[in-house]
Amino acid sequence: MIKKTNNNYLWLAIISIFIAFFAYRICKNSFFGSSTRYHKQSVVSAGKAKVSKMHTILEFIGTAVSNESVDITSSITQKITKISFSDCTLVKQGDVLVQLNVDKQKAILKQAEINLQEQQRELNRLSGLKDKKIIAAKEYDIQNTKLLDAQARIEEIKEEINEGTIVAPFDGMLGIRRISVGSLLTPGTVITTLDSIKKIKVDFSVPEKYFSLINKHCKITATSIAISGRKFCGTVDAVSPRISPVSRSFSVRGIINNDEYLLRPGMMLNVTIEMQDRDAILVPESAVFSIGEKHHVFLLVEGDKVKQTSVEIGLRQNGCVEITNGLKANETIITEGVVKLSDGDKVSISNTASNMNTNLDAHSIPNSDTDTNLRANSDTKSGDT
């Protein structure tokens, strides 16, 4: 019985030794294998950041607005005796649109003119008496005041008569007539509308990241789905100094030519802004990677080590990204193979293309967000942030 127990212990010891031996070999292979892989240098591509000219073009959605616009109304209450315009026609400044009944004012004017003549005669009579010192100067002054009052009354009546003749305040296109002959016109009642549209304003919202790029006199081109194949040229006329804290966008107003009166107020326009060429650092999109909301590149330092560096990006073009901050010209960065790298890794460079194997000459840059190409829509209140 004792001998059998000893044999069992012996076999158990032998089995334990074999298990420990195999466990040691497995752990050794795993450790040294991973260590070998850790020290193995990754093969990547690198290049130097270059400064290139950028010809930037941005696209937005805008709304056409009249250069000048007004509702034609009356400032007095009176009946309409004549309408001198047709719906939706072009008029010149000063053209008579509506004539109101001013017969009563004309009769009052005649009475006022008779009164003025009487006051003038009386003043002339008192003037002679004053010279002879028959009357006091005060009586003469009182009569002179009456004369001035009579003159002012005439001017007031003439103004009322003029208000009865409603004219176009500027050149433009009339809207639809909303009144008829014989109607009693009261102040505030809209007779028609008048829009100056030989030049059209276009209002649109721009994300705040473009605030430093857009300025007065930037060239713009507008198109409309209602007028196929036509382009309307103009310039930026005003840039709002305020940025909305809600939409993080600002308002821009352009002026475009509309000599043929094809564009109308309220139209939706596709607006393209062409800005002046500028210097920018461009790198391949493959060189930039994101961690959360931040963007990074790997700088090549000490010949074969990489350093993770945070950068700020701007516009994108086909295959390239603009670096606005965090990278200097002629610094060498990793352009391919960044996904397998970590900060401080050693690398083996397969090429050192000074131009990063990409053409960094001037390009037309489409409007884009920091991560995806988007068209900025100024037709909504929220804007593009």
Protein backbone atom coordinates (compact mmCIF):
# COMPACT_ATOMS: atom_id res chain seq x y z
CA MET A 1 0.00 0.00 0.00
CA ILE A 2 2.82 2.40 0.87
CA LYS A 3 4.70 1.47 -2.32
CA LYS A 4 1.67 2.20 -4.49
CA THR A 5 1.24 5.63 -2.90
CA ASN A 6 4.88 6.48 -3.53
CA ASN A 7 4.50 5.55 -7.21
CA ASN A 8 1.53 7.86 -7.48
CA TYR A 9 3.56 10.73 -6.03
CA LEU A 10 6.37 10.00 -8.44
CA TRP A 11 4.13 10.12 -11.50
CA LEU A 12 2.53 13.33 -10.20
CA ALA A 13 5.95 14.93 -9.83
CA ILE A 14 6.99 13.89 -13.34
CA ILE A 15 3.78 15.29 -14.85
CA SER A 16 4.23 18.58 -12.93
CA ILE A 17 7.78 18.94 -14.27
CA PHE A 18 6.58 18.43 -17.86
CA ILE A 19 3.78 20.97 -17.41
CA ALA A 20 6.18 23.53 -15.93
CA PHE A 21 8.67 22.96 -18.77
CA PHE A 22 6.09 23.48 -21.52
CA ALA A 23 4.67 26.54 -19.75
CA TYR A 24 8.14 28.04 -19.57
CA ARG A 25 8.78 27.46 -23.27
CA ILE A 26 5.44 29.00 -24.26
CA CYS A 27 5.98 32.11 -22.11
CA LYS A 28 9.55 32.48 -23.35
CA ASN A 29 8.52 32.33 -27.00
CA SER A 30 5.67 34.75 -26.39
CA PHE A 31 7.87 37.26 -24.54
CA PHE A 32 10.81 37.24 -26.89
CA GLY A 33 8.58 37.11 -29.93
CA SER A 34 6.64 40.20 -28.82
CA SER A 35 9.90 41.90 -27.86
CA THR A 36 11.26 41.26 -31.29
CA ARG A 37 8.12 42.67 -32.87
CA TYR A 38 8.22 45.71 -30.60
CA HIS A 39 11.72 46.63 -31.65
CA LYS A 40 11.06 45.97 -35.30
CA GLN A 41 11.06 49.26 -37.24
CA SER A 42 7.97 50.10 -39.32
CA VAL A 43 8.50 50.97 -42.97
CA VAL A 44 6.78 54.27 -43.81
CA SER A 45 6.88 57.11 -46.34
CA ALA A 46 7.84 60.66 -45.42
CA GLY A 47 8.06 64.08 -47.03
CA LYS A 48 8.58 67.76 -46.27
CA ALA A 49 5.73 70.22 -45.82
CA LYS A 50 5.73 72.81 -48.59
CA VAL A 51 4.11 76.24 -48.88
CA SER A 52 1.92 76.58 -51.98
CA LYS A 53 -0.41 79.17 -53.46
CA MET A 54 -4.07 78.44 -52.82
CA HIS A 55 -6.83 79.81 -55.04
CA THR A 56 -9.82 79.40 -52.74
CA ILE A 57 -13.41 79.15 -53.90
CA LEU A 58 -16.32 78.79 -51.44
CA GLU A 59 -19.94 77.93 -52.23
CA PHE A 60 -23.03 78.99 -50.28
CA ILE A 61 -26.80 79.29 -50.62
CA GLY A 62 -28.13 82.87 -50.67
CA THR A 63 -31.36 84.80 -51.09
CA ALA A 64 -31.88 87.59 -53.63
CA VAL A 65 -32.93 90.94 -52.16
CA SER A 66 -33.93 94.16 -53.94
CA ASN A 67 -31.30 96.85 -54.09
CA GLU A 68 -34.05 99.23 -52.94
CA SER A 69 -37.57 98.24 -51.94
CA VAL A 70 -40.60 100.17 -50.69
CA ASP A 71 -44.35 99.80 -50.19
CA ILE A 72 -46.14 102.67 -51.94
CA THR A 73 -48.63 104.23 -49.49
CA SER A 74 -50.40 107.53 -48.85
CA SER A 75 -49.75 109.96 -46.00
CA ILE A 76 -53.27 111.47 -46.13
CA THR A 77 -56.84 110.17 -46.15
CA GLN A 78 -58.53 110.87 -49.46
CA LYS A 79 -60.39 109.26 -52.35
CA ILE A 80 -58.54 107.98 -55.41
CA THR A 81 -59.43 109.83 -58.61
CA LYS A 82 -56.87 108.38 -61.03
CA ILE A 83 -54.44 105.45 -61.28
CA SER A 84 -51.59 106.02 -63.74
CA PHE A 85 -49.71 102.71 -63.71
CA SER A 86 -50.12 99.08 -64.72
CA ASP A 87 -49.16 95.99 -62.76
CA CYS A 88 -45.50 94.90 -62.81
CA THR A 89 -44.17 97.66 -65.07
CA LEU A 90 -40.94 99.64 -65.00
CA VAL A 91 -41.19 103.27 -63.89
CA LYS A 92 -38.81 106.19 -63.51
CA GLN A 93 -38.26 108.34 -60.46
CA GLY A 94 -40.97 111.02 -60.30
CA ASP A 95 -43.54 109.20 -62.48
CA VAL A 96 -47.10 109.81 -61.21
CA LEU A 97 -48.68 106.62 -59.90
CA VAL A 98 -51.90 107.70 -58.18
CA GLN A 99 -53.84 110.97 -58.03
CA LEU A 100 -56.05 111.66 -55.00
CA ASN A 101 -58.97 114.07 -54.78
CA VAL A 102 -57.46 117.40 -53.72
CA ASP A 103 -60.23 119.76 -54.90
CA LYS A 104 -60.95 120.83 -51.34
CA GLN A 105 -57.30 121.66 -50.71
CA LYS A 106 -57.18 123.70 -53.93
CA ALA A 107 -60.21 125.74 -52.79
CA ILE A 108 -58.60 126.31 -49.40
CA LEU A 109 -55.43 127.38 -51.21
CA LYS A 110 -57.32 130.10 -53.10
CA GLN A 111 -58.73 131.42 -49.84
CA ALA A 112 -55.28 131.40 -48.30
CA GLU A 113 -53.84 133.33 -51.25
CA ILE A 114 -56.60 135.97 -50.95
CA ASN A 115 -55.85 136.26 -47.24
CA LEU A 116 -52.14 136.66 -48.02
CA GLN A 117 -52.87 139.50 -50.42
CA GLU A 118 -55.02 141.22 -47.78
CA GLN A 119 -52.32 140.87 -45.14
CA GLN A 120 -49.75 142.28 -47.56
CA ARG A 121 -51.88 145.35 -48.32
CA GLU A 122 -52.46 145.99 -44.64
CA LEU A 123 -48.73 145.71 -43.94
CA ASN A 124 -47.97 148.20 -46.70
CA ARG A 125 -50.49 150.64 -45.21
CA LEU A 126 -49.04 150.34 -41.73
CA SER A 127 -45.54 150.73 -43.12
CA GLY A 128 -46.38 154.27 -44.31
CA LEU A 129 -47.94 155.16 -40.98
CA LYS A 130 -44.92 153.78 -39.18
CA ASP A 131 -42.59 155.96 -41.24
CA LYS A 132 -44.67 159.00 -40.24
CA LYS A 133 -44.60 157.82 -36.63
CA ILE A 134 -48.38 157.78 -36.49
CA ILE A 135 -48.52 154.20 -35.15
CA ALA A 136 -46.33 152.34 -32.76
CA ALA A 137 -43.79 149.90 -34.08
CA LYS A 138 -45.58 147.15 -32.22
CA GLU A 139 -48.65 147.37 -34.47
CA TYR A 140 -46.44 147.06 -37.52
CA ASP A 141 -44.70 143.99 -36.06
CA ILE A 142 -48.04 142.32 -35.29
CA GLN A 143 -49.19 142.81 -38.88
CA ASN A 144 -45.87 141.49 -40.22
CA THR A 145 -46.37 138.33 -38.14
CA LYS A 146 -49.87 137.86 -39.64
CA LEU A 147 -48.33 138.12 -43.09
CA LEU A 148 -45.76 135.45 -42.28
CA ASP A 149 -48.50 133.18 -40.89
CA ALA A 150 -50.47 133.56 -44.12
CA GLN A 151 -47.39 132.60 -46.17
CA ALA A 152 -46.78 129.54 -44.01
CA ARG A 153 -50.41 128.49 -44.37
CA ILE A 154 -50.10 128.58 -48.14
CA GLU A 155 -46.99 126.39 -48.04
CA GLU A 156 -48.83 123.91 -45.80
CA ILE A 157 -51.77 123.67 -48.20
CA LYS A 158 -49.47 123.23 -51.19
CA GLU A 159 -47.76 120.36 -49.39
CA GLU A 160 -51.15 118.69 -48.81
CA ILE A 161 -51.90 119.05 -52.53
CA ASN A 162 -48.53 117.55 -53.39
CA GLU A 163 -49.24 114.63 -51.06
CA GLY A 164 -52.33 113.96 -53.13
CA THR A 165 -50.07 113.14 -56.08
CA ILE A 166 -48.21 109.90 -55.33
CA VAL A 167 -45.05 109.43 -57.42
CA ALA A 168 -42.31 106.79 -57.72
CA PRO A 169 -39.45 107.60 -55.30
CA PHE A 170 -36.85 105.85 -57.50
CA ASP A 171 -36.46 103.84 -60.70
CA GLY A 172 -37.75 100.31 -60.40
CA MET A 173 -40.37 97.68 -61.11
CA LEU A 174 -43.87 97.97 -59.69
CA GLY A 175 -45.74 95.09 -58.12
CA ILE A 176 -49.42 94.17 -58.29
CA ARG A 177 -51.96 96.98 -57.84
CA ARG A 178 -54.04 96.63 -54.64
CA ILE A 179 -56.43 99.58 -54.91
CA SER A 180 -59.09 100.86 -57.30
CA VAL A 181 -60.36 104.24 -58.46
CA GLY A 182 -62.91 105.63 -56.01
CA SER A 183 -61.44 103.83 -53.00
CA LEU A 184 -60.87 105.83 -49.84
CA LEU A 185 -57.13 105.67 -49.31
CA THR A 186 -55.88 105.94 -45.75
CA PRO A 187 -52.34 106.26 -44.39
CA GLY A 188 -50.63 102.86 -44.28
CA THR A 189 -52.73 101.24 -47.00
CA VAL A 190 -50.40 99.60 -49.53
CA ILE A 191 -51.07 100.76 -53.09
CA THR A 192 -48.38 98.58 -54.67
CA THR A 193 -44.72 97.72 -54.23
CA LEU A 194 -41.65 99.17 -55.93
CA ASP A 195 -38.34 97.32 -56.24
CA SER A 196 -35.08 98.52 -57.72
CA ILE A 197 -33.66 95.35 -59.28
CA LYS A 198 -31.18 96.53 -61.91
CA LYS A 199 -28.69 95.53 -59.24
CA ILE A 200 -29.62 92.71 -56.86
CA LYS A 201 -28.36 92.16 -53.35
CA VAL A 202 -27.71 88.58 -52.23
CA ASP A 203 -27.61 87.77 -48.52
CA PHE A 204 -26.08 84.57 -47.16
CA SER A 205 -24.52 83.20 -43.97
CA VAL A 206 -20.93 82.01 -43.73
CA PRO A 207 -19.39 79.79 -40.99
CA GLU A 208 -17.10 81.73 -38.67
CA LYS A 209 -14.00 79.76 -39.68
CA TYR A 210 -14.00 81.74 -42.96
CA PHE A 211 -14.25 85.14 -41.25
CA SER A 212 -10.60 86.03 -41.91
CA LEU A 213 -10.84 84.99 -45.56
CA ILE A 214 -13.86 86.97 -46.74
CA ASN A 215 -13.58 90.71 -47.22
CA LYS A 216 -15.20 93.52 -49.15
CA HIS A 217 -14.69 93.41 -52.91
CA CYS A 218 -14.18 89.62 -53.10
CA LYS A 219 -15.56 88.43 -56.43
CA ILE A 220 -18.81 86.45 -56.38
CA THR A 221 -20.78 84.56 -59.01
CA ALA A 222 -24.45 83.64 -58.58
CA THR A 223 -26.63 81.11 -60.40
CA SER A 224 -30.30 80.21 -60.10
CA ILE A 225 -32.13 76.98 -60.87
CA ALA A 226 -34.86 79.14 -62.44
CA ILE A 227 -32.45 80.57 -65.04
CA SER A 228 -30.46 77.67 -66.43
CA GLY A 229 -27.04 78.33 -67.89
CA ARG A 230 -26.71 81.95 -66.75
CA LYS A 231 -24.11 83.33 -64.36
CA PHE A 232 -24.42 86.70 -62.65
CA CYS A 233 -21.23 88.41 -61.50
CA GLY A 234 -20.67 90.86 -58.68
CA THR A 235 -18.67 91.57 -55.53
CA VAL A 236 -19.03 91.30 -51.77
CA ASP A 237 -20.48 94.62 -50.59
CA ALA A 238 -20.63 94.15 -46.82
CA VAL A 239 -19.46 91.72 -44.14
CA SER A 240 -21.27 91.77 -40.81
CA PRO A 241 -18.99 92.56 -37.84
CA ARG A 242 -21.06 90.26 -35.63
CA ILE A 243 -20.94 86.47 -35.40
CA SER A 244 -24.07 84.70 -34.20
CA PRO A 245 -23.45 82.85 -30.91
CA VAL A 246 -26.18 80.37 -31.87
CA SER A 247 -25.22 79.39 -35.44
CA ARG A 248 -21.54 80.47 -35.22
CA SER A 249 -21.91 82.18 -38.58
CA PHE A 250 -21.88 85.74 -39.89
CA SER A 251 -23.89 87.53 -42.58
CA VAL A 252 -22.44 88.57 -45.91
CA ARG A 253 -24.11 90.76 -48.55
CA GLY A 254 -23.09 90.83 -52.19
CA ILE A 255 -24.12 93.05 -55.10
CA ILE A 256 -24.62 91.47 -58.53
CA ASN A 257 -25.60 92.96 -61.88
CA ASN A 258 -29.12 92.27 -63.16
CA ASP A 259 -29.30 94.47 -66.26
CA GLU A 260 -31.81 92.17 -67.98
CA TYR A 261 -34.08 92.01 -64.90
CA LEU A 262 -33.93 88.19 -64.88
CA LEU A 263 -33.37 87.84 -61.14
CA ARG A 264 -36.18 88.69 -58.75
CA PRO A 265 -36.28 89.32 -55.00
CA GLY A 266 -36.72 86.17 -52.95
CA MET A 267 -34.97 83.83 -55.39
CA MET A 268 -32.63 81.19 -54.01
CA LEU A 269 -29.15 81.67 -55.46
CA ASN A 270 -26.07 79.47 -55.48
CA VAL A 271 -23.26 81.85 -54.58
CA THR A 272 -19.61 81.20 -55.33
CA ILE A 273 -16.97 83.43 -53.71
CA GLU A 274 -13.59 83.64 -55.36
CA MET A 275 -10.95 84.89 -52.94
CA GLN A 276 -7.43 86.15 -53.46
CA ASP A 277 -4.56 83.69 -53.72
CA ARG A 278 -2.78 83.04 -50.45
CA ASP A 279 0.14 81.00 -49.14
CA ALA A 280 -0.72 77.81 -47.28
CA ILE A 281 0.97 74.67 -45.99
CA LEU A 282 -0.56 71.61 -47.67
CA VAL A 283 -0.02 67.99 -46.68
CA PRO A 284 -1.55 64.72 -47.95
CA GLU A 285 -4.75 63.65 -46.21
CA SER A 286 -3.06 60.34 -45.37
CA ALA A 287 -0.61 62.21 -43.10
CA VAL A 288 -3.35 63.57 -40.81
CA PHE A 289 -5.16 61.42 -38.24
CA SER A 290 -7.74 62.29 -35.59
CA ILE A 291 -7.95 61.49 -31.91
CA GLY A 292 -11.29 62.68 -30.63
CA GLU A 293 -11.86 66.15 -32.02
CA LYS A 294 -8.15 66.94 -32.45
CA HIS A 295 -5.99 66.35 -35.49
CA HIS A 296 -2.37 65.14 -35.43
CA VAL A 297 0.61 64.34 -37.64
CA PHE A 298 3.83 62.44 -36.99
CA LEU A 299 7.00 64.52 -37.27
CA LEU A 300 10.24 62.77 -38.16
CA VAL A 301 12.89 63.66 -35.57
CA GLU A 302 16.42 62.45 -34.86
CA GLY A 303 16.57 60.79 -38.24
CA ASP A 304 14.43 57.72 -37.51
CA LYS A 305 12.03 58.56 -34.65
CA VAL A 306 8.48 59.95 -34.89
CA LYS A 307 6.88 62.56 -32.67
CA GLN A 308 3.11 62.95 -32.48
CA THR A 309 2.19 66.63 -33.01
CA SER A 310 -1.21 68.31 -32.74
CA VAL A 311 -2.20 70.49 -35.72
CA GLU A 312 -5.13 72.64 -36.83
CA ILE A 313 -6.50 72.06 -40.30
CA GLY A 314 -8.28 74.35 -42.73
CA LEU A 315 -9.64 73.68 -46.19
CA ARG A 316 -9.33 70.45 -48.12
CA GLN A 317 -8.68 69.81 -51.76
CA ASN A 318 -8.34 66.60 -53.72
CA GLY A 319 -5.97 64.55 -51.61
CA CYS A 320 -4.55 67.48 -49.60
CA VAL A 321 -5.30 69.27 -46.32
CA GLU A 322 -4.35 72.80 -45.34
CA ILE A 323 -2.45 73.05 -42.03
CA THR A 324 -3.19 76.38 -40.35
CA ASN A 325 -1.29 75.82 -37.11
CA GLY A 326 1.15 73.35 -35.56
CA LEU A 327 3.37 72.66 -38.57
CA LYS A 328 6.12 74.70 -40.21
CA ALA A 329 7.31 74.66 -43.78
CA ASN A 330 10.05 72.12 -44.61
CA GLU A 331 9.37 70.01 -41.53
CA THR A 332 9.44 66.30 -42.39
CA ILE A 333 6.29 64.33 -41.59
CA ILE A 334 5.12 60.77 -42.11
CA THR A 335 2.83 60.67 -45.12
CA GLU A 336 1.95 56.97 -45.29
CA GLY A 337 1.78 54.28 -42.64
CA VAL A 338 0.68 56.49 -39.72
CA VAL A 339 -1.94 53.97 -38.55
CA LYS A 340 0.73 51.56 -37.30
CA LEU A 341 2.78 54.16 -35.42
CA SER A 342 2.89 55.42 -31.85
CA ASP A 343 4.64 58.42 -30.37
CA GLY A 344 8.39 57.73 -30.08
CA ASP A 345 8.49 54.75 -32.48
CA LYS A 346 11.51 54.24 -34.70
CA VAL A 347 10.80 53.97 -38.40
CA SER A 348 12.47 53.03 -41.63
CA ILE A 349 11.86 55.51 -44.46
CA SER A 350 11.08 53.98 -47.81
CA ASN A 351 11.23 57.35 -49.60
CA THR A 352 11.86 61.02 -48.75
CA ALA A 353 9.92 62.85 -51.42
CA SER A 354 10.36 66.55 -50.91
CA ASN A 355 7.04 67.21 -52.55
CA MET A 356 5.26 64.36 -50.75
CA ASN A 357 4.46 62.77 -54.11
CA THR A 358 1.68 65.25 -54.66
CA ASN A 359 1.27 68.39 -56.66
CA LEU A 360 0.98 71.30 -54.24
CA ASP A 361 0.57 74.05 -56.80
CA ALA A 362 -2.40 76.40 -56.74
CA HIS A 363 -5.75 74.61 -56.84
CA SER A 364 -9.37 75.56 -56.63
CA ILE A 365 -10.48 74.56 -53.15
CA PRO A 366 -14.13 73.53 -52.70
CA ASN A 367 -15.91 74.66 -49.55
CA SER A 368 -15.43 72.01 -46.86
CA ASP A 369 -15.81 71.32 -43.19
CA THR A 370 -12.84 70.16 -41.12
CA ASP A 371 -13.70 66.49 -41.66
CA THR A 372 -16.14 66.26 -44.59
CA ASN A 373 -16.93 68.30 -47.67
CA LEU A 374 -20.09 70.28 -46.98
CA ARG A 375 -21.93 73.06 -48.77
CA ALA A 376 -22.56 75.93 -46.35
CA ASN A 377 -26.31 76.55 -46.37
CA SER A 378 -27.20 80.17 -45.60
CA ASP A 379 -30.86 79.54 -46.32
CA THR A 380 -31.37 78.32 -42.75
CA LYS A 381 -31.14 80.26 -39.54
CA SER A 382 -28.88 77.73 -37.92
CA GLY A 383 -26.07 78.20 -40.47
CA ASP A 384 -23.06 75.89 -40.75
CA THR A 385 -20.83 75.49 -37.77
